[in-house]
Amino acid sequence: MESPLLLAVLHHPWAQLRWQLLLIAGALLLGLVAGMWLERRLMAAATWKAALRAALGDGVGMPIIALLSLQFARHATPMLRNAPLLKLALPALAVWLLVRVAARASQRAFPGSEPIRFLVRGLSWLAWLGLFLYLSGALPEIIEALDAFSFHLGNQRLTGWTLMRGIASIAITLVLALWVSSLLESRLLASPLEINLRLVLSRLIRAAIFTVALLVALQMVGIDLTVLGVFGGALGVGLGLGLQRIAANYVSGFVILLERSLRVGDNVRLDTFQGKILDIKTRYTVVRSSGGTESIVPNEMLISNRIENLSYTDPNVWMSTTVSVGYASDLDVVLPLIRETAISVARVLHDPAPNAVLSNFGSDGLEITIGYWIADPENGTLNIRGAVNLAVWRALRAANVELPFPQRVLHWGPGQKPDRPPAPEPAEPSSPDNNPIRPVQGA
């Protein structure tokens, strides 16, 4: 079934349609050039070729400029106000802009998320389907059928069309909220503020924008906000019954960020697990060990349990290793040599400087403990300990310092020397019958 718009286009003189087509093509070309410039300037596209791909791919500059230019031309020129081809192009450009905004906002808010990408793709198909129904003239009949289906929620009468409009309005406003919050978060996280303060502000801004977007969408549809009391009561019951731990984790996340007891980049130890905090989410914290293992720790555990923050006031970490030298070694020479060797190893801090002390008189040699500080334990501790050990071993070997190994020397006193053990009896010669090697007969 063809709509009056399509019929008007088909029955319109070709000469006027040609000018309308040229106007639409010019608007698209202007939008393409402006979109490339925006991608190059604002989105930091590396080359003009990359800017062209972005403008044609998911950029929003091209449909915005094309839509604005057509609207301006339509209102500025009286003869174009009733142009049928422009009446078809304007809603198509509006749907195109909506799809582009949804795609760009989802990419910035949820990078690499396949479910979100699938959801945005489904919403895009629904938007184009709605445009087709509008152009085909079937949309009024569908709206009338949806309006006939109604029910009451409290004192509010809701229809199928109201729900559809509400879902569409909420989706559009939330997509815009995602985009705005992602832009604000990127600017905020790049600011020189303290990292925990940046994270708190970004979480609060996102929550506030989502709340405002939801309320605006419901008001646009005409739904009474008192209806939300029903859902608020259900949410309260859910929190009281089964969502206590989840709510506790969310509250604990804000407490951690606000009191700044733990910060992104801190080195912490939780029981036997030690690592660096990569991110503090609203529900959990990500801790990465030096071996590459990432642990997801609920925020409530960080509040209620004992946590060792190795970099709360000072990020430096003290480490030590032990080496043994012979009792005949000159410690006045060995100890300064070990200190100079340890300070020459990469990652070992010069201030405070390494130290070497005689820590024990061992059974096999003099035990010397080497203590040193490092500032980056997240890069591994075993590798730096191995580097210090290797450097000390090379220095002592070059200085001809004895490195003893475990051994035992037995001294026998007079009359304590044991008798020589009896010599083993000689083996009996084997008989020819038992000899496995026999002469060859007839050789």
Foldseek 3Di string as FASTA:
>chain_A
DFDVLVVCVVPPDPVVVVVVVVLLVVLLVVQLVQQLVCCVPPVVDPDSVSSNCCSVPQTLSRLVSSLVSLVCVCVVDVVNVPPSVSVLVNLVSVLSNLLSLLVVLCCLLPNPDPVSVVVSVVVSVVSVVVSVCVRRVNVVVVLVVQQVAWDDQPNDIDTRNLVVQLVVQLSSQLSVLSNVLSVVLVVLCPDPDAQLVSVLVSVVSSVVSNVVSNVVSCVVSPHDPVSCVVVVVVVVVCCVPPCVLQVLLLVLLNVCSVVVQDDQQWWKQDPPDIAGWHDRDSFWTWGAALVGDIDTGGSNCVVPDDMGTCPRPHLKDKDKDKFFFAPPDDCVPLFVLLQVLLQPQPQWDVVVGKGKDQDDQDPFGTMIMIMTMGRCCSNDDVVSVVRSVVSSVVSCVVVVIGRTDDDDDDDADPPRDDDDPDDDDDDDDDDPVPDPDDDDPPD
